[in-house]
Amino acid sequence: MAELEYQCCYCEEGIAKGDIGAVRIVISGLWAQADGSTQEVYAHSECAADKFGRALSSSVPFDIQAFAPD
C-alpha cells in the first residue's frame, strides 16, 4: 500500500492529485521568532471551503476557486 503524499488536516483522507484546488495552509507566528518556525497543513478544496471558509469572519472573504489553476 502506498503512503499518502498529503493528508487533509480536516478529514484525514489522502488528497488526490486530481483535486486541483487543494491547498497548503502555512501557519507562522505573527510576531515570528528569529528561527522562522512555520507549520504546513494540507486540505482538500471542499474541506477548505467548508471548514476553513466558514470559520472566518464574514468580513474576510475566502474563495477556494482562487486556488484552482486556470
Protein backbone atom coordinates (compact mmCIF):
# COMPACT_ATOMS: atom_id res chain seq x y z
CA MET A 1 0.00 0.00 0.00
CA ALA A 2 1.41 3.39 -1.00
CA GLU A 3 1.97 6.06 1.63
CA LEU A 4 -0.08 9.22 1.47
CA GLU A 5 1.81 12.12 0.00
CA TYR A 6 -0.59 14.65 1.51
CA GLN A 7 -3.30 14.13 4.13
CA CYS A 8 -6.18 16.54 4.66
CA CYS A 9 -5.98 18.24 8.05
CA TYR A 10 -9.78 18.19 8.35
CA CYS A 11 -10.98 14.76 7.22
CA GLU A 12 -7.65 12.87 7.44
CA GLU A 13 -8.13 11.36 3.99
CA GLY A 14 -5.44 11.41 1.32
CA ILE A 15 -5.51 14.22 -1.21
CA ALA A 16 -5.56 13.03 -4.81
CA LYS A 17 -3.63 14.92 -7.46
CA GLY A 18 -6.96 15.32 -9.27
CA ASP A 19 -8.09 17.80 -6.59
CA ILE A 20 -6.53 20.72 -8.40
CA GLY A 21 -7.92 23.22 -5.90
CA ALA A 22 -6.39 21.52 -2.84
CA VAL A 23 -4.49 23.94 -0.61
CA ARG A 24 -1.44 24.15 1.61
CA ILE A 25 -2.05 26.25 4.71
CA VAL A 26 1.11 27.73 6.20
CA ILE A 27 0.98 28.87 9.81
CA SER A 28 3.59 31.07 11.43
CA GLY A 29 3.68 33.27 14.47
CA LEU A 30 2.52 36.81 13.92
CA TRP A 31 5.48 38.03 15.89
CA ALA A 32 7.76 35.42 14.31
CA GLN A 33 10.72 34.11 16.22
CA ALA A 34 14.18 34.52 14.77
CA ASP A 35 14.20 30.89 13.62
CA GLY A 36 11.16 31.50 11.38
CA SER A 37 9.26 28.40 12.55
CA THR A 38 6.25 27.51 10.46
CA GLN A 39 3.85 24.60 10.18
CA GLU A 40 2.22 23.43 6.97
CA VAL A 41 -1.05 21.54 6.76
CA TYR A 42 -2.97 20.46 3.69
CA ALA A 43 -6.66 20.35 2.79
CA HIS A 44 -8.97 19.15 0.04
CA SER A 45 -10.58 22.03 -1.81
CA GLU A 46 -14.04 21.04 -0.50
CA CYS A 47 -12.83 20.68 3.11
CA ALA A 48 -11.06 24.04 2.98
CA ALA A 49 -14.13 25.75 1.55
CA ASP A 50 -16.41 24.14 4.11
CA LYS A 51 -14.33 24.16 7.30
CA PHE A 52 -11.81 26.97 6.83
CA GLY A 53 -14.04 29.28 4.83
CA ARG A 54 -16.95 29.02 7.28
CA ALA A 55 -14.67 29.61 10.29
CA LEU A 56 -13.64 33.05 9.05
CA SER A 57 -15.47 36.26 9.85
CA SER A 58 -17.94 37.33 7.18
CA SER A 59 -15.76 40.40 6.65
CA VAL A 60 -12.89 38.12 5.49
CA PRO A 61 -13.86 36.67 2.12
CA PHE A 62 -12.44 33.26 1.21
CA ASP A 63 -12.78 31.96 -2.33
CA ILE A 64 -11.42 28.44 -2.79
CA GLN A 65 -11.78 28.84 -6.57
CA ALA A 66 -8.89 31.32 -6.49
CA PHE A 67 -6.56 28.36 -5.86
CA ALA A 68 -7.65 26.27 -8.82
CA PRO A 69 -5.37 26.65 -11.81
CA ASP A 70 -6.87 28.17 -14.96
